[in-house]
PDB file of N, CA and C in Angstrom:
ATOM      1  N   MET A   1      14.656   1.205  -2.960  1.00  0.00           N
ATOM      2  CA  MET A   1      16.031   0.349  -3.640  1.00  0.00           C
ATOM      3  C   MET A   1      15.144  -0.106  -4.514  1.00  0.00           C
ATOM      4  N   GLU A   2      14.728  -0.915  -5.931  1.00  0.00           N
ATOM      5  CA  GLU A   2      14.157  -2.063  -6.277  1.00  0.00           C
ATOM      6  C   GLU A   2      15.462  -3.113  -7.182  1.00  0.00           C
ATOM      7  N   GLN A   3      14.989  -4.455  -6.669  1.00  0.00           N
ATOM      8  CA  GLN A   3      16.069  -5.408  -6.958  1.00  0.00           C
ATOM      9  C   GLN A   3      15.529  -5.819  -8.261  1.00  0.00           C
ATOM     10  N   ALA A   4      16.845  -6.673  -8.928  1.00  0.00           N
ATOM     11  CA  ALA A   4      15.976  -7.291  -9.704  1.00  0.00           C
ATOM     12  C   ALA A   4      15.060  -8.471  -9.902  1.00  0.00           C
ATOM     13  N   GLY A   5      14.147  -8.002 -10.965  1.00  0.00           N
ATOM     14  CA  GLY A   5      13.246  -9.173 -10.831  1.00  0.00           C
ATOM     15  C   GLY A   5      11.656  -8.890 -10.143  1.00  0.00           C
ATOM     16  N   LYS A   6      11.848  -7.825  -9.194  1.00  0.00           N
ATOM     17  CA  LYS A   6      10.971  -7.096  -8.049  1.00  0.00           C
ATOM     18  C   LYS A   6      10.791  -5.538  -8.656  1.00  0.00           C
ATOM     19  N   ASP A   7       9.559  -5.250  -8.816  1.00  0.00           N
ATOM     20  CA  ASP A   7       9.154  -4.073  -9.413  1.00  0.00           C
ATOM     21  C   ASP A   7       7.765  -3.635  -8.678  1.00  0.00           C
ATOM     22  N   PRO A   8       7.908  -2.526  -7.706  1.00  0.00           N
ATOM     23  CA  PRO A   8       7.248  -2.304  -6.579  1.00  0.00           C
ATOM     24  C   PRO A   8       6.120  -1.272  -7.489  1.00  0.00           C
ATOM     25  N   ARG A   9       6.237  -0.956  -8.811  1.00  0.00           N
ATOM     26  CA  ARG A   9       5.034  -0.551  -9.669  1.00  0.00           C
ATOM     27  C   ARG A   9       4.690  -0.852 -10.470  1.00  0.00           C
ATOM     28  N   ALA A  10       4.520  -2.583 -10.572  1.00  0.00           N
ATOM     29  CA  ALA A  10       4.318  -3.374 -11.483  1.00  0.00           C
ATOM     30  C   ALA A  10       2.330  -2.871 -11.768  1.00  0.00           C
ATOM     31  N   GLY A  11       1.905  -2.713 -11.139  1.00  0.00           N
ATOM     32  CA  GLY A  11       0.650  -2.332 -11.405  1.00  0.00           C
ATOM     33  C   GLY A  11       0.397  -1.324 -12.217  1.00  0.00           C
ATOM     34  N   LEU A  12       1.236  -0.478 -12.192  1.00  0.00           N
ATOM     35  CA  LEU A  12       1.216   0.535 -13.253  1.00  0.00           C
ATOM     36  C   LEU A  12       1.662   0.806 -14.646  1.00  0.00           C
ATOM     37  N   LYS A  13       2.244  -0.736 -15.120  1.00  0.00           N
ATOM     38  CA  LYS A  13       3.026  -0.991 -16.229  1.00  0.00           C
ATOM     39  C   LYS A  13       1.932  -2.249 -16.593  1.00  0.00           C
ATOM     40  N   LEU A  14       0.809  -2.430 -16.015  1.00  0.00           N
ATOM     41  CA  LEU A  14      -0.165  -3.562 -16.479  1.00  0.00           C
ATOM     42  C   LEU A  14      -1.094  -3.223 -17.650  1.00  0.00           C
ATOM     43  N   GLU A  15      -1.479  -1.994 -17.865  1.00  0.00           N
ATOM     44  CA  GLU A  15      -2.287  -1.877 -19.146  1.00  0.00           C
ATOM     45  C   GLU A  15      -0.885  -1.837 -19.989  1.00  0.00           C
ATOM     46  N   THR A  16      -0.167  -1.371 -19.973  1.00  0.00           N
ATOM     47  CA  THR A  16       1.064  -1.751 -21.267  1.00  0.00           C
ATOM     48  C   THR A  16       1.493  -3.026 -21.104  1.00  0.00           C
ATOM     49  N   TRP A  17       1.754  -3.777 -20.579  1.00  0.00           N
ATOM     50  CA  TRP A  17       2.114  -5.150 -20.486  1.00  0.00           C
ATOM     51  C   TRP A  17       0.829  -5.624 -21.378  1.00  0.00           C
ATOM     52  N   MET A  18      -0.173  -5.417 -21.209  1.00  0.00           N
ATOM     53  CA  MET A  18      -1.677  -6.582 -21.582  1.00  0.00           C
ATOM     54  C   MET A  18      -1.362  -6.163 -23.013  1.00  0.00           C
ATOM     55  N   ARG A  19      -1.259  -4.723 -23.122  1.00  0.00           N
ATOM     56  CA  ARG A  19      -1.233  -4.244 -25.250  1.00  0.00           C
ATOM     57  C   ARG A  19       0.108  -4.882 -25.313  1.00  0.00           C
ATOM     58  N   GLU A  20       0.854  -5.174 -24.871  1.00  0.00           N
ATOM     59  CA  GLU A  20       1.899  -5.541 -25.555  1.00  0.00           C
ATOM     60  C   GLU A  20       2.033  -7.143 -25.950  1.00  0.00           C
ATOM     61  N   ALA A  21       1.276  -7.725 -24.593  1.00  0.00           N
ATOM     62  CA  ALA A  21       0.918  -9.051 -25.558  1.00  0.00           C
ATOM     63  C   ALA A  21      -0.254  -9.545 -26.020  1.00  0.00           C
ATOM     64  N   GLY A  22      -1.093  -8.401 -26.735  1.00  0.00           N
ATOM     65  CA  GLY A  22      -1.660  -8.640 -27.849  1.00  0.00           C
ATOM     66  C   GLY A  22      -3.537  -8.346 -27.125  1.00  0.00           C
ATOM     67  N   PHE A  23      -3.654  -7.839 -26.310  1.00  0.00           N
ATOM     68  CA  PHE A  23      -4.896  -7.472 -26.415  1.00  0.00           C
ATOM     69  C   PHE A  23      -4.906  -6.042 -26.544  1.00  0.00           C
ATOM     70  N   THR A  24      -6.605  -5.725 -26.937  1.00  0.00           N
ATOM     71  CA  THR A  24      -7.289  -4.618 -27.223  1.00  0.00           C
ATOM     72  C   THR A  24      -7.922  -4.327 -26.371  1.00  0.00           C
ATOM     73  N   ARG A  25      -9.055  -4.841 -25.780  1.00  0.00           N
ATOM     74  CA  ARG A  25      -9.955  -4.406 -25.122  1.00  0.00           C
ATOM     75  C   ARG A  25      -9.964  -4.081 -24.008  1.00  0.00           C
ATOM     76  N   ILE A  26      -9.157  -3.578 -23.212  1.00  0.00           N
ATOM     77  CA  ILE A  26      -8.680  -2.880 -21.855  1.00  0.00           C
ATOM     78  C   ILE A  26      -8.721  -1.604 -21.495  1.00  0.00           C
ATOM     79  N   GLU A  27      -9.614  -2.290 -19.843  1.00  0.00           N
ATOM     80  CA  GLU A  27     -10.093  -1.054 -19.363  1.00  0.00           C
ATOM     81  C   GLU A  27      -9.548  -0.358 -18.326  1.00  0.00           C
ATOM     82  N   MET A  28      -8.817   0.920 -18.168  1.00  0.00           N
ATOM     83  CA  MET A  28      -7.748   1.181 -17.064  1.00  0.00           C
ATOM     84  C   MET A  28      -8.899   1.747 -16.292  1.00  0.00           C
ATOM     85  N   ARG A  29      -8.876   1.343 -14.792  1.00  0.00           N
ATOM     86  CA  ARG A  29      -9.315   2.510 -13.653  1.00  0.00           C
ATOM     87  C   ARG A  29      -8.651   3.514 -12.846  1.00  0.00           C
ATOM     88  N   GLU A  30      -8.616   3.944 -12.410  1.00  0.00           N
ATOM     89  CA  GLU A  30      -7.386   3.834 -10.511  1.00  0.00           C
ATOM     90  C   GLU A  30      -8.475   4.294  -9.409  1.00  0.00           C
ATOM     91  N   ILE A  31      -8.743   3.657  -8.268  1.00  0.00           N
ATOM     92  CA  ILE A  31      -9.510   3.710  -7.452  1.00  0.00           C
ATOM     93  C   ILE A  31      -8.597   4.130  -6.163  1.00  0.00           C
ATOM     94  N   THR A  32      -9.370   4.619  -5.271  1.00  0.00           N
ATOM     95  CA  THR A  32      -9.150   5.202  -3.807  1.00  0.00           C
ATOM     96  C   THR A  32      -9.378   4.226  -3.172  1.00  0.00           C
ATOM     97  N   LEU A  33      -8.671   3.694  -1.958  1.00  0.00           N
ATOM     98  CA  LEU A  33      -8.915   2.645  -0.818  1.00  0.00           C
ATOM     99  C   LEU A  33      -8.397   3.312   0.125  1.00  0.00           C
ATOM    100  N   PRO A  34      -9.426   3.553   1.038  1.00  0.00           N
ATOM    101  CA  PRO A  34      -8.947   4.593   2.314  1.00  0.00           C
ATOM    102  C   PRO A  34      -8.431   3.366   3.149  1.00  0.00           C
ATOM    103  N   MET A  35      -7.027   3.434   3.791  1.00  0.00           N
ATOM    104  CA  MET A  35      -6.480   2.953   4.980  1.00  0.00           C
ATOM    105  C   MET A  35      -7.181   2.776   6.147  1.00  0.00           C
ATOM    106  N   CYS A  36      -8.211   3.365   6.269  1.00  0.00           N
ATOM    107  CA  CYS A  36      -9.085   3.689   7.661  1.00  0.00           C
ATOM    108  C   CYS A  36     -10.129   4.448   7.404  1.00  0.00           C
ATOM    109  N   GLY A  37     -10.905   4.554   8.574  1.00  0.00           N
ATOM    110  CA  GLY A  37     -12.322   5.173   8.168  1.00  0.00           C
ATOM    111  C   GLY A  37     -13.115   6.248   8.250  1.00  0.00           C
ATOM    112  N   TRP A  38     -12.105   7.348   7.363  1.00  0.00           N
ATOM    113  CA  TRP A  38     -11.788   8.884   7.269  1.00  0.00           C
ATOM    114  C   TRP A  38     -13.469   9.082   6.106  1.00  0.00           C
ATOM    115  N   SER A  39     -13.552   7.958   5.079  1.00  0.00           N
ATOM    116  CA  SER A  39     -14.558   8.848   4.034  1.00  0.00           C
ATOM    117  C   SER A  39     -15.725   8.972   4.712  1.00  0.00           C
ATOM    118  N   HIS A  40     -16.340  10.137   4.098  1.00  0.00           N
ATOM    119  CA  HIS A  40     -17.941  10.772   3.909  1.00  0.00           C
ATOM    120  C   HIS A  40     -19.124   9.825   3.331  1.00  0.00           C
ATOM    121  N   ASN A  41     -18.113   9.017   2.537  1.00  0.00           N
ATOM    122  CA  ASN A  41     -18.949   8.177   1.361  1.00  0.00           C
ATOM    123  C   ASN A  41     -19.088   6.831   2.394  1.00  0.00           C
ATOM    124  N   GLU A  42     -20.205   6.098   2.328  1.00  0.00           N
ATOM    125  CA  GLU A  42     -20.771   4.954   3.221  1.00  0.00           C
ATOM    126  C   GLU A  42     -19.974   3.735   2.794  1.00  0.00           C
ATOM    127  N   ARG A  43     -20.187   3.438   1.410  1.00  0.00           N
ATOM    128  CA  ARG A  43     -19.259   2.359   1.003  1.00  0.00           C
ATOM    129  C   ARG A  43     -17.723   2.520   0.669  1.00  0.00           C
ATOM    130  N   ASP A  44     -16.935   3.698   0.920  1.00  0.00           N
ATOM    131  CA  ASP A  44     -15.495   3.684   1.181  1.00  0.00           C
ATOM    132  C   ASP A  44     -15.024   3.568   2.671  1.00  0.00           C
ATOM    133  N   PHE A  45     -16.123   4.455   3.435  1.00  0.00           N
ATOM    134  CA  PHE A  45     -16.417   4.525   4.995  1.00  0.00           C
ATOM    135  C   PHE A  45     -15.864   2.838   5.334  1.00  0.00           C
ATOM    136  N   GLY A  46     -16.446   2.182   4.840  1.00  0.00           N
ATOM    137  CA  GLY A  46     -17.022   0.866   5.090  1.00  0.00           C
ATOM    138  C   GLY A  46     -15.818   0.382   4.679  1.00  0.00           C
ATOM    139  N   ILE A  47     -14.912  -0.165   3.389  1.00  0.00           N
ATOM    140  CA  ILE A  47     -13.607  -0.247   3.372  1.00  0.00           C
ATOM    141  C   ILE A  47     -12.577   0.156   4.014  1.00  0.00           C
ATOM    142  N   GLY A  48     -12.705   1.412   4.532  1.00  0.00           N
ATOM    143  CA  GLY A  48     -11.406   1.856   4.902  1.00  0.00           C
ATOM    144  C   GLY A  48     -11.405   1.247   6.550  1.00  0.00           C
ATOM    145  N   VAL A  49     -12.181   0.809   7.142  1.00  0.00           N
ATOM    146  CA  VAL A  49     -12.847   0.652   8.337  1.00  0.00           C
ATOM    147  C   VAL A  49     -11.990  -0.838   8.117  1.00  0.00           C
ATOM    148  N   SER A  50     -12.441  -1.978   7.439  1.00  0.00           N
ATOM    149  CA  SER A  50     -12.431  -2.948   7.109  1.00  0.00           C
ATOM    150  C   SER A  50     -10.676  -3.216   6.558  1.00  0.00           C
ATOM    151  N   ASN A  51     -10.048  -2.049   6.000  1.00  0.00           N
ATOM    152  CA  ASN A  51      -9.234  -2.029   5.709  1.00  0.00           C
ATOM    153  C   ASN A  51      -7.660  -1.809   7.093  1.00  0.00           C
ATOM    154  N   GLN A  52      -8.315  -1.350   7.746  1.00  0.00           N
ATOM    155  CA  GLN A  52      -6.945  -1.121   8.992  1.00  0.00           C
ATOM    156  C   GLN A  52      -6.465  -1.694   9.733  1.00  0.00           C
ATOM    157  N   GLU A  53      -7.146  -3.025   9.581  1.00  0.00           N
ATOM    158  CA  GLU A  53      -6.478  -3.844  10.341  1.00  0.00           C
ATOM    159  C   GLU A  53      -5.775  -5.125   9.102  1.00  0.00           C
ATOM    160  N   ASN A  54      -5.586  -4.672   7.696  1.00  0.00           N
ATOM    161  CA  ASN A  54      -4.809  -5.289   6.485  1.00  0.00           C
ATOM    162  C   ASN A  54      -3.282  -4.037   6.531  1.00  0.00           C
ATOM    163  N   VAL A  55      -3.842  -2.532   7.085  1.00  0.00           N
ATOM    164  CA  VAL A  55      -2.907  -1.799   6.523  1.00  0.00           C
ATOM    165  C   VAL A  55      -1.877  -2.274   7.884  1.00  0.00           C
ATOM    166  N   SER A  56      -2.392  -2.600   9.488  1.00  0.00           N
ATOM    167  CA  SER A  56      -1.242  -2.584  10.304  1.00  0.00           C
ATOM    168  C   SER A  56      -0.657  -4.052  10.508  1.00  0.00           C
ATOM    169  N   ARG A  57      -0.986  -4.851   9.325  1.00  0.00           N
ATOM    170  CA  ARG A  57      -0.366  -6.088   9.367  1.00  0.00           C
ATOM    171  C   ARG A  57       0.835  -5.618   8.167  1.00  0.00           C
ATOM    172  N   LEU A  58       0.197  -5.472   7.213  1.00  0.00           N
ATOM    173  CA  LEU A  58       0.991  -4.907   5.542  1.00  0.00           C
ATOM    174  C   LEU A  58       2.493  -4.388   6.414  1.00  0.00           C
ATOM    175  N   LEU A  59       2.295  -3.423   6.901  1.00  0.00           N
ATOM    176  CA  LEU A  59       2.898  -2.517   7.302  1.00  0.00           C
ATOM    177  C   LEU A  59       4.077  -2.792   7.726  1.00  0.00           C
ATOM    178  N   SER A  60       4.050  -3.914   8.584  1.00  0.00           N
ATOM    179  CA  SER A  60       5.509  -4.602   9.705  1.00  0.00           C
ATOM    180  C   SER A  60       5.754  -6.078   8.079  1.00  0.00           C
ATOM    181  N   SER A  61       4.789  -6.856   8.030  1.00  0.00           N
ATOM    182  CA  SER A  61       5.561  -7.352   6.777  1.00  0.00           C
ATOM    183  C   SER A  61       6.201  -7.371   5.642  1.00  0.00           C
ATOM    184  N   LEU A  62       5.753  -5.678   4.827  1.00  0.00           N
ATOM    185  CA  LEU A  62       6.169  -5.755   3.593  1.00  0.00           C
ATOM    186  C   LEU A  62       7.604  -4.762   3.745  1.00  0.00           C
ATOM    187  N   ALA A  63       7.697  -4.425   4.962  1.00  0.00           N
ATOM    188  CA  ALA A  63       8.694  -3.385   5.775  1.00  0.00           C
ATOM    189  C   ALA A  63      10.063  -3.987   6.056  1.00  0.00           C
ATOM    190  N   LEU A  64       9.763  -4.877   6.609  1.00  0.00           N
ATOM    191  CA  LEU A  64      11.084  -5.689   7.556  1.00  0.00           C
ATOM    192  C   LEU A  64      12.047  -6.548   6.386  1.00  0.00           C
ATOM    193  N   TYR A  65      11.758  -6.503   5.494  1.00  0.00           N
ATOM    194  CA  TYR A  65      12.780  -6.828   4.212  1.00  0.00           C
ATOM    195  C   TYR A  65      14.112  -5.700   4.312  1.00  0.00           C
ATOM    196  N   PRO A  66      12.937  -4.809   3.604  1.00  0.00           N
ATOM    197  CA  PRO A  66      13.835  -3.734   2.834  1.00  0.00           C
ATOM    198  C   PRO A  66      14.754  -2.636   3.758  1.00  0.00           C
ATOM    199  N   CYS A  67      13.771  -2.609   5.048  1.00  0.00           N
ATOM    200  CA  CYS A  67      14.215  -1.745   6.357  1.00  0.00           C
ATOM    201  C   CYS A  67      15.802  -2.516   7.415  1.00  0.00           C
ATOM    202  N   THR A  68      15.521  -3.729   7.619  1.00  0.00           N
ATOM    203  CA  THR A  68      16.658  -4.644   7.953  1.00  0.00           C
ATOM    204  C   THR A  68      17.359  -5.598   6.951  1.00  0.00           C
ATOM    205  N   ALA A  69      17.296  -5.734   6.238  1.00  0.00           N
ATOM    206  CA  ALA A  69      18.459  -6.621   5.263  1.00  0.00           C
ATOM    207  C   ALA A  69      18.660  -5.050   4.288  1.00  0.00           C
ATOM    208  N   ILE A  70      18.330  -4.612   3.530  1.00  0.00           N
ATOM    209  CA  ILE A  70      18.783  -3.349   2.634  1.00  0.00           C
ATOM    210  C   ILE A  70      19.266  -2.345   3.425  1.00  0.00           C
ATOM    211  N   GLN A  71      18.615  -1.300   4.563  1.00  0.00           N
ATOM    212  CA  GLN A  71      18.893  -0.135   5.271  1.00  0.00           C
ATOM    213  C   GLN A  71      19.672  -0.789   6.373  1.00  0.00           C
ATOM    214  N   ASP A  72      19.730  -1.599   6.845  1.00  0.00           N
ATOM    215  CA  ASP A  72      20.357  -2.293   8.122  1.00  0.00           C
ATOM    216  C   ASP A  72      19.794  -1.488   9.214  1.00  0.00           C
ATOM    217  N   MET A  73      18.543  -1.316   9.033  1.00  0.00           N
ATOM    218  CA  MET A  73      17.721  -1.117  10.518  1.00  0.00           C
ATOM    219  C   MET A  73      17.727  -1.900  11.249  1.00  0.00           C
ATOM    220  N   THR A  74      17.848  -1.632  12.362  1.00  0.00           N
ATOM    221  CA  THR A  74      18.020  -2.282  13.658  1.00  0.00           C
ATOM    222  C   THR A  74      16.392  -2.938  14.227  1.00  0.00           C
ATOM    223  N   ILE A  75      16.261  -3.818  14.409  1.00  0.00           N
ATOM    224  CA  ILE A  75      14.875  -4.680  14.699  1.00  0.00           C
ATOM    225  C   ILE A  75      14.083  -3.770  15.351  1.00  0.00           C
ATOM    226  N   GLU A  76      15.052  -2.931  16.468  1.00  0.00           N
ATOM    227  CA  GLU A  76      14.372  -2.101  17.856  1.00  0.00           C
ATOM    228  C   GLU A  76      13.915  -0.723  16.675  1.00  0.00           C
ATOM    229  N   ASP A  77      14.691  -0.410  15.998  1.00  0.00           N
ATOM    230  CA  ASP A  77      14.255   1.182  15.172  1.00  0.00           C
ATOM    231  C   ASP A  77      13.143   0.818  14.422  1.00  0.00           C
ATOM    232  N   PHE A  78      13.135  -0.736  13.566  1.00  0.00           N
ATOM    233  CA  PHE A  78      11.608  -1.109  12.712  1.00  0.00           C
ATOM    234  C   PHE A  78      10.666  -0.911  13.307  1.00  0.00           C
ATOM    235  N   HIS A  79      11.020  -2.151  14.639  1.00  0.00           N
ATOM    236  CA  HIS A  79       9.483  -1.729  15.448  1.00  0.00           C
ATOM    237  C   HIS A  79       9.167  -0.099  15.889  1.00  0.00           C
ATOM    238  N   LEU A  80       9.988   0.479  16.134  1.00  0.00           N
ATOM    239  CA  LEU A  80       9.503   1.924  16.094  1.00  0.00           C
ATOM    240  C   LEU A  80       8.944   2.808  14.673  1.00  0.00           C
ATOM    241  N   LEU A  81       9.599   2.828  13.805  1.00  0.00           N
ATOM    242  CA  LEU A  81       8.978   3.218  12.627  1.00  0.00           C
ATOM    243  C   LEU A  81       7.605   2.483  12.568  1.00  0.00           C
ATOM    244  N   VAL A  82       7.376   1.261  12.353  1.00  0.00           N
ATOM    245  CA  VAL A  82       6.206   0.451  11.952  1.00  0.00           C
ATOM    246  C   VAL A  82       5.126   1.021  13.011  1.00  0.00           C
ATOM    247  N   GLY A  83       5.160   0.921  14.421  1.00  0.00           N
ATOM    248  CA  GLY A  83       4.559   1.557  15.078  1.00  0.00           C
ATOM    249  C   GLY A  83       4.229   3.062  15.364  1.00  0.00           C
ATOM    250  N   GLN A  84       4.957   4.392  14.696  1.00  0.00           N
ATOM    251  CA  GLN A  84       4.980   5.444  14.143  1.00  0.00           C
ATOM    252  C   GLN A  84       4.240   5.487  12.960  1.00  0.00           C
ATOM    253  N   ALA A  85       4.215   4.346  11.724  1.00  0.00           N
ATOM    254  CA  ALA A  85       3.227   4.414  10.542  1.00  0.00           C
ATOM    255  C   ALA A  85       1.947   3.814  11.063  1.00  0.00           C
ATOM    256  N   ARG A  86       2.231   2.779  11.474  1.00  0.00           N
ATOM    257  CA  ARG A  86       0.430   2.351  12.342  1.00  0.00           C
ATOM    258  C   ARG A  86      -0.005   3.481  12.588  1.00  0.00           C
ATOM    259  N   GLN A  87       0.406   3.976  13.302  1.00  0.00           N
ATOM    260  CA  GLN A  87      -0.456   5.210  14.340  1.00  0.00           C
ATOM    261  C   GLN A  87      -0.239   6.519  12.788  1.00  0.00           C
ATOM    262  N   GLU A  88      -0.132   7.019  12.242  1.00  0.00           N
ATOM    263  CA  GLU A  88      -0.468   7.414  10.442  1.00  0.00           C
ATOM    264  C   GLU A  88      -1.279   7.045  10.167  1.00  0.00           C
ATOM    265  N   ALA A  89      -1.351   5.684   9.773  1.00  0.00           N
ATOM    266  CA  ALA A  89      -1.928   5.310   9.092  1.00  0.00           C
ATOM    267  C   ALA A  89      -3.836   4.923   9.519  1.00  0.00           C
ATOM    268  N   ALA A  90      -3.483   5.638  10.802  1.00  0.00           N
ATOM    269  CA  ALA A  90      -5.318   5.184  11.373  1.00  0.00           C
ATOM    270  C   ALA A  90      -5.550   6.783  12.014  1.00  0.00           C
ATOM    271  N   THR A  91      -4.575   7.408  11.336  1.00  0.00           N
ATOM    272  CA  THR A  91      -5.162   8.939  11.760  1.00  0.00           C
ATOM    273  C   THR A  91      -5.953   9.328  10.359  1.00  0.00           C
ATOM    274  N   LEU A  92      -7.322   9.690  10.846  1.00  0.00           N
ATOM    275  CA  LEU A  92      -8.418  10.014  10.502  1.00  0.00           C
ATOM    276  C   LEU A  92      -8.289  11.582   9.511  1.00  0.00           C
ATOM    277  N   GLY A  93      -7.760  12.110  10.387  1.00  0.00           N
ATOM    278  CA  GLY A  93      -7.378  13.585   9.988  1.00  0.00           C
ATOM    279  C   GLY A  93      -6.518  13.224   8.635  1.00  0.00           C
ATOM    280  N   LEU A  94      -5.441  12.545   8.505  1.00  0.00           N
ATOM    281  CA  LEU A  94      -4.701  12.322   7.361  1.00  0.00           C
ATOM    282  C   LEU A  94      -5.104  12.108   6.478  1.00  0.00           C
ATOM    283  N   LYS A  95      -6.434  11.665   6.357  1.00  0.00           N
ATOM    284  CA  LYS A  95      -7.218  10.745   4.920  1.00  0.00           C
ATOM    285  C   LYS A  95      -5.955   9.891   4.493  1.00  0.00           C
ATOM    286  N   PRO A  96      -5.122   8.907   5.268  1.00  0.00           N
ATOM    287  CA  PRO A  96      -4.632   8.034   4.297  1.00  0.00           C
ATOM    288  C   PRO A  96      -5.402   7.172   3.115  1.00  0.00           C
ATOM    289  N   TYR A  97      -4.319   6.683   2.179  1.00  0.00           N
ATOM    290  CA  TYR A  97      -5.626   5.964   1.197  1.00  0.00           C
ATOM    291  C   TYR A  97      -4.229   5.738   0.114  1.00  0.00           C
ATOM    292  N   PHE A  98      -4.186   4.232  -0.368  1.00  0.00           N
ATOM    293  CA  PHE A  98      -4.271   3.625  -1.485  1.00  0.00           C
ATOM    294  C   PHE A  98      -4.237   4.344  -2.425  1.00  0.00           C
ATOM    295  N   LYS A  99      -3.829   3.995  -3.850  1.00  0.00           N
ATOM    296  CA  LYS A  99      -4.443   4.308  -5.053  1.00  0.00           C
ATOM    297  C   LYS A  99      -3.738   2.802  -5.838  1.00  0.00           C
ATOM    298  N   ALA A 100      -5.211   2.705  -6.479  1.00  0.00           N
ATOM    299  CA  ALA A 100      -4.908   0.859  -7.152  1.00  0.00           C
ATOM    300  C   ALA A 100      -5.647   1.117  -8.014  1.00  0.00           C
TER     301      ALA A 100
END
């Protein structure tokens, strides 16, 4: 659910916003950031290993408000959901990643 003034997909609109603001030399690139150390590429493997702790912390901090205040989830169910999400985010075989 999107609230007024908050757009979770703002990053996808940055190029358009910059052009509308008058910028002309804009380069847009999308990169893949692993959530854990699943990549065979040494650089991405290192990023994934470093990212694993960040992902673990982000899952609870970013999800708390929408799950409990907007979706009326109990705090117990919330902690269960976050625990399951953390397990999946750390599962090498799933190859979880962010598009950035």
